[in-house]
Protein backbone atom coordinates (compact mmCIF):
# COMPACT_ATOMS: atom_id res chain seq x y z
CA UNK A 1 -3.73 17.07 -19.89
CA UNK A 2 -1.37 19.65 -18.42
CA UNK A 3 -4.17 20.99 -16.23
CA UNK A 4 -4.84 17.47 -14.89
CA UNK A 5 -1.12 16.94 -14.26
CA UNK A 6 -0.70 20.34 -12.61
CA UNK A 7 -3.65 19.85 -10.27
CA UNK A 8 -2.51 16.40 -9.13
CA UNK A 9 1.12 17.51 -8.90
CA UNK A 10 0.15 20.20 -6.40
CA UNK A 11 -1.90 17.69 -4.41
CA UNK A 12 1.08 15.32 -4.44
CA UNK A 13 3.15 17.83 -2.44
CA UNK A 14 0.55 18.54 0.25
CA UNK A 15 -1.31 15.23 0.67
CA UNK A 16 0.00 14.06 4.02
CA UNK A 17 -1.88 11.63 6.24
CA UNK A 18 -2.37 8.44 4.21
CA UNK A 19 -5.10 7.14 1.88
CA UNK A 20 -8.08 8.33 3.95
CA UNK A 21 -6.70 11.88 3.99
CA UNK A 22 -5.89 11.70 0.26
CA UNK A 23 -9.51 10.79 -0.52
CA UNK A 24 -10.59 13.83 1.51
CA UNK A 25 -8.21 16.09 -0.41
CA UNK A 26 -9.50 14.70 -3.71
CA UNK A 27 -13.13 15.28 -2.81
CA UNK A 28 -12.45 18.84 -1.71
CA UNK A 29 -10.56 19.56 -4.93
CA UNK A 30 -12.48 17.67 -7.63
CA UNK A 31 -16.04 17.65 -6.27
CA UNK A 32 -16.37 20.87 -4.28
CA UNK A 33 -13.83 23.21 -5.89
CA UNK A 34 -13.32 22.18 -9.54
CA UNK A 35 -16.61 20.26 -9.95
CA UNK A 36 -15.05 17.70 -12.30
CA UNK A 37 -17.58 15.16 -10.99
CA UNK A 38 -20.43 15.02 -8.49
CA UNK A 39 -20.62 13.34 -5.09
CA UNK A 40 -22.40 10.28 -6.46
CA UNK A 41 -19.74 9.59 -9.10
CA UNK A 42 -16.98 10.21 -6.60
CA UNK A 43 -18.52 7.84 -4.04
CA UNK A 44 -18.69 5.10 -6.69
CA UNK A 45 -14.99 5.57 -7.50
CA UNK A 46 -14.03 5.40 -3.82
CA UNK A 47 -16.10 2.24 -3.36
CA UNK A 48 -14.38 0.62 -6.35
CA UNK A 49 -10.95 1.46 -4.96
CA UNK A 50 -11.87 -0.46 -1.79
CA UNK A 51 -13.10 -3.42 -3.82
CA UNK A 52 -9.93 -4.01 -5.87
CA UNK A 53 -6.36 -4.79 -4.81
CA UNK A 54 -3.91 -1.94 -5.20
CA UNK A 55 -3.20 1.53 -3.79
CA UNK A 56 -6.65 2.88 -2.93
CA UNK A 57 -6.08 6.64 -3.08
CA UNK A 58 -3.94 6.37 -6.21
CA UNK A 59 -6.69 4.34 -7.87
CA UNK A 60 -9.18 7.07 -6.98
CA UNK A 61 -6.91 9.71 -8.53
CA UNK A 62 -6.33 7.51 -11.59
CA UNK A 63 -10.11 7.08 -12.05
CA UNK A 64 -10.76 10.82 -11.65
CA UNK A 65 -8.13 11.51 -14.31
CA UNK A 66 -9.68 8.85 -16.55
CA UNK A 67 -13.14 10.38 -16.30
CA UNK A 68 -11.70 13.82 -17.01
CA UNK A 69 -9.34 12.98 -19.88
CA UNK A 70 -9.45 9.27 -20.77
CA UNK A 71 -6.40 7.05 -20.47
CA UNK A 72 -3.96 9.92 -21.01
CA UNK A 73 -5.74 11.89 -18.31
CA UNK A 74 -5.45 8.92 -15.95
CA UNK A 75 -1.71 8.67 -16.64
CA UNK A 76 -1.29 12.42 -16.12
CA UNK A 77 -3.12 12.17 -12.79
CA UNK A 78 -0.96 9.25 -11.64
CA UNK A 79 2.28 10.92 -12.68
CA UNK A 80 1.35 14.24 -11.10
CA UNK A 81 0.21 12.81 -7.78
CA UNK A 82 3.06 10.29 -7.45
CA UNK A 83 6.03 12.27 -8.77
CA UNK A 84 6.65 14.38 -5.61
CA UNK A 85 6.79 11.27 -3.43
CA UNK A 86 9.04 9.47 -5.94
CA UNK A 87 11.49 12.38 -5.98
CA UNK A 88 11.63 12.51 -2.17
CA UNK A 89 12.12 8.75 -1.83
CA UNK A 90 14.83 8.79 -4.50
CA UNK A 91 16.63 11.62 -2.71
CA UNK A 92 16.43 9.67 0.54
CA UNK A 93 17.81 6.52 -1.10
CA UNK A 94 20.71 8.47 -2.64
CA UNK A 95 21.59 10.32 0.57
CA UNK A 96 21.14 7.34 2.87
CA UNK A 97 23.73 5.32 0.96
CA UNK A 98 26.30 8.01 1.83
CA UNK A 99 25.50 8.62 5.50
CA UNK A 100 24.24 5.27 6.79
CA UNK A 101 27.37 4.64 8.87
CA UNK A 102 27.09 7.82 10.95
CA UNK A 103 25.79 7.57 14.51
CA UNK A 104 23.34 10.43 13.97
CA UNK A 105 21.75 8.64 11.02
CA UNK A 106 21.49 5.38 12.97
CA UNK A 107 19.71 7.17 15.82
CA UNK A 108 17.28 8.83 13.41
CA UNK A 109 16.60 5.47 11.76
CA UNK A 110 15.91 3.94 15.16
CA UNK A 111 13.35 6.65 15.89
CA UNK A 112 11.67 6.11 12.51
CA UNK A 113 11.49 2.36 13.13
CA UNK A 114 9.62 3.08 16.37
CA UNK A 115 7.22 5.25 14.35
CA UNK A 116 6.68 2.30 12.01
CA UNK A 117 5.51 0.20 14.99
CA UNK A 118 2.93 2.87 15.88
CA UNK A 119 1.68 3.27 12.32
CA UNK A 120 1.34 -0.45 11.60
CA UNK A 121 -0.41 -1.06 14.95
CA UNK A 122 -2.85 1.75 14.18
CA UNK A 123 -3.53 0.32 10.72
CA UNK A 124 -4.24 -3.11 12.25
CA UNK A 125 -6.75 -1.69 14.73
CA UNK A 126 -8.60 0.26 12.06
CA UNK A 127 -8.69 -2.61 9.59
CA UNK A 128 -9.71 -5.13 12.26
CA UNK A 129 -12.76 -3.02 13.15
CA UNK A 130 -13.76 -2.79 9.49
CA UNK A 131 -13.00 -6.30 8.24
CA UNK A 132 -13.29 -8.66 11.23
CA UNK A 133 -16.87 -8.47 12.44
CA UNK A 134 -18.07 -12.10 12.17
CA UNK A 135 -16.67 -15.29 13.68
CA UNK A 136 -15.55 -16.51 10.26
CA UNK A 137 -13.62 -13.33 9.41
CA UNK A 138 -12.04 -13.22 12.89
CA UNK A 139 -10.98 -16.84 12.46
CA UNK A 140 -9.47 -16.12 9.04
CA UNK A 141 -7.51 -13.25 10.55
CA UNK A 142 -6.18 -15.47 13.36
CA UNK A 143 -5.26 -18.42 11.13
CA UNK A 144 -3.45 -16.12 8.69
CA UNK A 145 -1.43 -14.47 11.45
CA UNK A 146 -0.45 -17.81 12.99
CA UNK A 147 0.47 -19.35 9.64
CA UNK A 148 2.71 -16.44 8.67
CA UNK A 149 4.37 -16.26 12.08
CA UNK A 150 5.18 -19.99 11.94
CA UNK A 151 5.99 -20.21 8.20
CA UNK A 152 6.89 -16.72 6.95
CA UNK A 153 7.22 -16.71 3.16
CA UNK A 154 5.58 -15.27 0.05
CA UNK A 155 4.29 -18.77 -0.74
CA UNK A 156 2.50 -18.98 2.59
CA UNK A 157 0.96 -15.57 1.96
CA UNK A 158 -0.41 -16.57 -1.43
CA UNK A 159 -1.82 -19.84 -0.10
CA UNK A 160 -3.58 -18.29 2.90
CA UNK A 161 -5.02 -15.46 0.79
CA UNK A 162 -6.35 -17.97 -1.75
CA UNK A 163 -7.89 -20.11 1.00
CA UNK A 164 -9.43 -17.00 2.61
CA UNK A 165 -10.98 -16.01 -0.73
CA UNK A 166 -12.50 -19.48 -1.19
CA UNK A 167 -13.89 -19.58 2.36
CA UNK A 168 -15.22 -16.03 2.04
CA UNK A 169 -16.92 -16.82 -1.27
CA UNK A 170 -18.68 -19.71 0.43
CA UNK A 171 -19.47 -18.35 3.90
CA UNK A 172 -19.32 -14.53 3.80
CA UNK A 173 -21.76 -13.71 1.03
CA UNK A 174 -23.63 -10.45 1.54
CA UNK A 175 -27.29 -10.88 2.35
CA UNK A 176 -28.40 -8.05 0.09
CA UNK A 177 -26.15 -8.94 -2.83
CA UNK A 178 -27.87 -9.56 -6.16
CA UNK A 179 -26.58 -11.62 -9.03
CA UNK A 180 -28.85 -10.38 -11.81
CA UNK A 181 -27.03 -7.55 -13.56
CA UNK A 182 -24.67 -8.63 -16.37
CA UNK A 183 -21.01 -7.74 -16.00
CA UNK A 184 -19.18 -6.58 -19.13
CA UNK A 185 -15.49 -5.93 -18.37
CA UNK A 186 -12.93 -4.21 -20.58
CA UNK A 187 -11.03 -7.23 -21.84
CA UNK A 188 -7.61 -5.88 -22.82
CA UNK A 189 -6.49 -4.53 -19.41
CA UNK A 190 -7.57 -7.76 -17.71
CA UNK A 191 -5.79 -9.90 -20.30
CA UNK A 192 -2.60 -7.85 -19.87
CA UNK A 193 -2.89 -8.22 -16.08
CA UNK A 194 -3.27 -12.01 -16.37
CA UNK A 195 -0.38 -12.33 -18.82
CA UNK A 196 1.98 -10.35 -16.57
CA UNK A 197 0.82 -12.11 -13.40
CA UNK A 198 1.08 -15.65 -14.77
CA UNK A 199 3.58 -15.34 -17.60
CA UNK A 200 6.26 -13.07 -16.17
CA UNK A 201 7.45 -15.58 -13.51
CA UNK A 202 8.27 -18.06 -16.29
CA UNK A 203 10.95 -15.82 -17.81
CA UNK A 204 11.84 -13.38 -15.03
CA UNK A 205 14.54 -15.52 -13.42
CA UNK A 206 16.79 -15.16 -16.46
CA UNK A 207 16.84 -11.35 -16.43
CA UNK A 208 17.49 -9.28 -13.26
CA UNK A 209 15.38 -6.33 -14.41
CA UNK A 210 12.42 -8.56 -15.28
CA UNK A 211 12.83 -10.37 -11.97
CA UNK A 212 12.59 -7.04 -10.16
CA UNK A 213 9.51 -6.07 -12.18
CA UNK A 214 7.90 -9.45 -11.50
CA UNK A 215 8.50 -9.29 -7.74
CA UNK A 216 6.88 -5.88 -7.39
CA UNK A 217 4.06 -6.69 -9.82
CA UNK A 218 3.21 -9.79 -7.77
CA UNK A 219 3.23 -7.70 -4.58
CA UNK A 220 1.00 -5.04 -6.11
CA UNK A 221 -1.45 -7.74 -7.22
CA UNK A 222 -1.93 -8.99 -3.66
CA UNK A 223 -2.34 -5.75 -1.75
CA UNK A 224 -5.88 -5.74 -0.41
CA UNK A 225 -6.80 -3.43 2.43
CA UNK A 226 -4.50 -0.45 1.94
CA UNK A 227 -0.90 0.52 1.44
CA UNK A 228 0.28 -0.90 4.77
CA UNK A 229 -0.23 -4.43 3.44
CA UNK A 230 2.64 -3.84 1.00
CA UNK A 231 5.02 -3.99 3.99
CA UNK A 232 4.84 -7.75 4.68
CA UNK A 233 4.54 -8.60 0.98
CA UNK A 234 7.69 -6.70 0.05
CA UNK A 235 9.52 -7.85 3.17
CA UNK A 236 9.13 -11.50 2.14
CA UNK A 237 9.97 -10.73 -1.49
CA UNK A 238 13.10 -8.80 -0.58
CA UNK A 239 14.27 -11.37 1.99
CA UNK A 240 18.00 -11.16 2.66
CA UNK A 241 18.72 -8.90 -0.31
CA UNK A 242 18.28 -5.84 1.89
CA UNK A 243 19.03 -5.26 5.57
CA UNK A 244 16.08 -4.80 7.91
CA UNK A 245 17.42 -1.39 8.91
CA UNK A 246 17.38 -0.21 5.29
CA UNK A 247 13.96 -1.80 4.69
CA UNK A 248 12.31 -0.18 7.71
CA UNK A 249 14.00 3.16 7.03
CA UNK A 250 12.29 3.22 3.63
CA UNK A 251 8.98 2.15 5.15
CA UNK A 252 9.12 4.83 7.83
CA UNK A 253 10.07 7.43 5.23
CA UNK A 254 7.07 6.43 3.12
CA UNK A 255 4.88 7.30 6.12
CA UNK A 256 6.48 10.73 6.39
CA UNK A 257 6.34 11.94 2.81
CA UNK A 258 3.20 13.22 1.07
CA UNK A 259 1.50 11.18 -1.61
CA UNK A 260 0.97 7.42 -1.96
CA UNK A 261 2.73 5.01 0.39
CA UNK A 262 3.39 2.64 -2.51
CA UNK A 263 6.41 4.79 -3.40
CA UNK A 264 8.09 2.71 -0.72
CA UNK A 265 8.85 0.57 -3.79
CA UNK A 266 10.94 3.43 -5.21
CA UNK A 267 13.33 3.23 -2.28
CA UNK A 268 13.49 -0.58 -2.33
CA UNK A 269 14.03 -0.73 -6.10
CA UNK A 270 16.91 1.72 -5.82
CA UNK A 271 18.58 -0.43 -3.17
CA UNK A 272 18.02 -3.76 -4.94
CA UNK A 273 19.61 -2.83 -8.27
CA UNK A 274 22.90 -1.12 -7.34
CA UNK A 275 24.30 -1.32 -10.90
CA UNK A 276 21.51 0.92 -12.25
CA UNK A 277 19.71 2.19 -9.12
CA UNK A 278 17.59 4.89 -10.80
CA UNK A 279 16.29 2.37 -13.33
CA UNK A 280 15.61 -0.09 -10.52
CA UNK A 281 13.63 2.53 -8.61
CA UNK A 282 11.50 3.40 -11.65
CA UNK A 283 10.85 -0.23 -12.63
CA UNK A 284 9.84 -1.16 -9.08
CA UNK A 285 7.54 1.87 -8.81
CA UNK A 286 5.75 1.19 -12.10
CA UNK A 287 5.45 -2.53 -11.36
CA UNK A 288 3.85 -2.13 -7.92
CA UNK A 289 1.25 0.40 -9.16
CA UNK A 290 0.44 -1.29 -12.49
CA UNK A 291 -1.74 -4.24 -11.31
CA UNK A 292 -4.21 -2.02 -9.49
CA UNK A 293 -4.52 0.31 -12.48
CA UNK A 294 -5.03 -2.55 -14.98
CA UNK A 295 -7.76 -4.08 -12.82
CA UNK A 296 -9.35 -0.66 -12.39
CA UNK A 297 -9.45 -0.10 -16.16
CA UNK A 298 -10.93 -3.57 -16.59
CA UNK A 299 -13.97 -2.98 -14.37
CA UNK A 300 -14.35 0.81 -14.05
CA UNK A 301 -17.17 1.19 -16.57
CA UNK A 302 -19.42 -1.50 -15.14
CA UNK A 303 -18.13 -2.41 -11.73
CA UNK A 304 -21.33 -2.26 -9.67
CA UNK A 305 -22.79 -5.38 -11.25
CA UNK A 306 -19.59 -7.25 -10.30
CA UNK A 307 -19.59 -6.04 -6.69
CA UNK A 308 -23.20 -7.21 -6.29
CA UNK A 309 -22.36 -10.81 -7.10
CA UNK A 310 -22.52 -12.77 -3.83
CA UNK A 311 -19.49 -14.96 -4.53
CA UNK A 312 -17.26 -12.00 -5.39
CA UNK A 313 -18.33 -9.87 -2.43
CA UNK A 314 -17.78 -12.83 -0.11
CA UNK A 315 -14.33 -13.58 -1.53
CA UNK A 316 -13.27 -9.96 -1.02
CA UNK A 317 -14.54 -10.07 2.58
CA UNK A 318 -12.46 -13.18 3.22
CA UNK A 319 -9.32 -11.66 1.72
CA UNK A 320 -9.78 -8.43 3.68
CA UNK A 321 -9.96 -10.41 6.94
CA UNK A 322 -6.85 -12.38 6.00
CA UNK A 323 -4.77 -9.30 5.27
CA UNK A 324 -5.41 -8.08 8.81
CA UNK A 325 -3.74 -11.25 10.04
CA UNK A 326 -0.98 -10.71 7.52
CA UNK A 327 -0.33 -7.28 9.01
CA UNK A 328 -0.36 -8.68 12.55
CA UNK A 329 2.46 -11.05 11.61
CA UNK A 330 4.39 -8.17 10.05
CA UNK A 331 3.92 -6.07 13.19
CA UNK A 332 5.97 -8.64 15.09
CA UNK A 333 8.51 -9.51 12.37
CA UNK A 334 10.17 -7.39 11.08
CA UNK A 335 8.67 -4.21 12.56
CA UNK A 336 8.67 -4.84 16.34
CA UNK A 337 11.67 -7.17 16.61
CA UNK A 338 14.01 -4.79 14.79
CA UNK A 339 12.84 -1.63 16.58
CA UNK A 340 12.29 -2.41 20.26
CA UNK A 341 15.45 -3.21 22.24
CA UNK A 342 14.80 -1.68 25.65
CA UNK A 343 11.94 -0.44 27.89
CA UNK A 344 12.49 3.14 26.70
CA UNK A 345 11.70 2.09 23.13
CA UNK A 346 8.38 0.59 24.18
CA UNK A 347 7.62 3.67 26.28
CA UNK A 348 8.15 5.89 23.23
CA UNK A 349 5.79 3.69 21.22
CA UNK A 350 3.08 4.12 23.86
CA UNK A 351 3.57 7.90 23.86
CA UNK A 352 3.51 7.95 20.08
CA UNK A 353 0.29 5.94 19.96
CA UNK A 354 -1.29 8.41 22.38
CA UNK A 355 -0.16 11.36 20.25
CA UNK A 356 -1.56 9.75 17.11
CA UNK A 357 -4.88 8.44 18.41
CA UNK A 358 -5.85 10.84 21.19
CA UNK A 359 -4.22 14.14 20.23
CA UNK A 360 -4.58 13.45 16.46
CA UNK A 361 -1.07 14.76 15.83
CA UNK A 362 -0.43 15.13 12.06
CA UNK A 363 1.96 12.56 10.64
CA UNK A 364 4.65 15.13 9.84
CA UNK A 365 4.81 16.07 13.54
CA UNK A 366 4.90 12.39 14.45
CA UNK A 367 7.94 12.04 12.21
CA UNK A 368 9.65 15.00 13.87
CA UNK A 369 8.84 13.63 17.34
CA UNK A 370 10.28 10.18 16.66
CA UNK A 371 13.35 11.47 14.84
CA UNK A 372 14.07 13.76 17.79
CA UNK A 373 13.39 10.97 20.29
CA UNK A 374 15.75 8.67 18.38
CA UNK A 375 18.56 11.23 18.48
CA UNK A 376 18.06 12.04 22.18
CA UNK A 377 17.81 8.38 23.24
CA UNK A 378 21.08 7.66 21.43
CA UNK A 379 23.05 10.28 23.35
């Protein structure tokens, strides 16, 4: 168990670049170097992480740990890979509460908010190419974006995602999908997921800590299509409890640090529970990761037969198209509207997009560029 933890802990400090880069680091480490599993097994795990809601690269790491050391191995992998990012986000939350009023900090935050525009726009382009290839999926993307721009709320998000799943199950079934193989899930993780998803809202309003857990658990249950989708979900959940500056500072920081982007929840949880901020950060972090891990445990042993079912594959295609529209709405509000105030800001975004897409500048250098630009533009 210590060896699993140690290996993932090291990866947690160096895994910059987002989920796609994390999956590359994992393959290099666990397939080529350590030979904990072969390419075929690893490819199946990666495919499963794309099929389920939740943090894709963290689910891959969790599954690798599970295959190596069972449930304890999975927990050791999660803790090792996530702990560096949690520590950095906690340090940022603690320091930011003491220096937020300084002009230097405000200028740095402004630069990081411009970076957030670039990163979210890039995520939208990549996801649109992957998930919006037919007229139906393009339409679902458009309707979702329009609905959330006109009626922004967590309720609207849940309704449009549910409708997209129903339409996808009906109209986006894969041609080669087969419905013959029996699916035998692991019952207990799925039961626990359902109990927390449906039962927690009934009692959460009476207890602040449970309410925090419920909000982040609900968000983690709806994140299809990658970590960027957590941005609009959490933004609607948080609402007026947190300023947009603080919210986008945490989001931009989550882009900059190594490890999973879902540790954005660490920063938000710290800010939302000022009486016990460390406890709030830990509860929010566990809650946002837990749904994806429970679902993974429920289907990991026999997932291929589930993915081959036409109705399921179609529903996932519909949801994936809808989350692109969800991200488009988030690109405008709160990301763009709270970051771009003058032509220079938009010019910096264009330069940043060029650096990211054409020069392939690593994300850490993107962070340095935008922090520097924010300070200089504020002089």
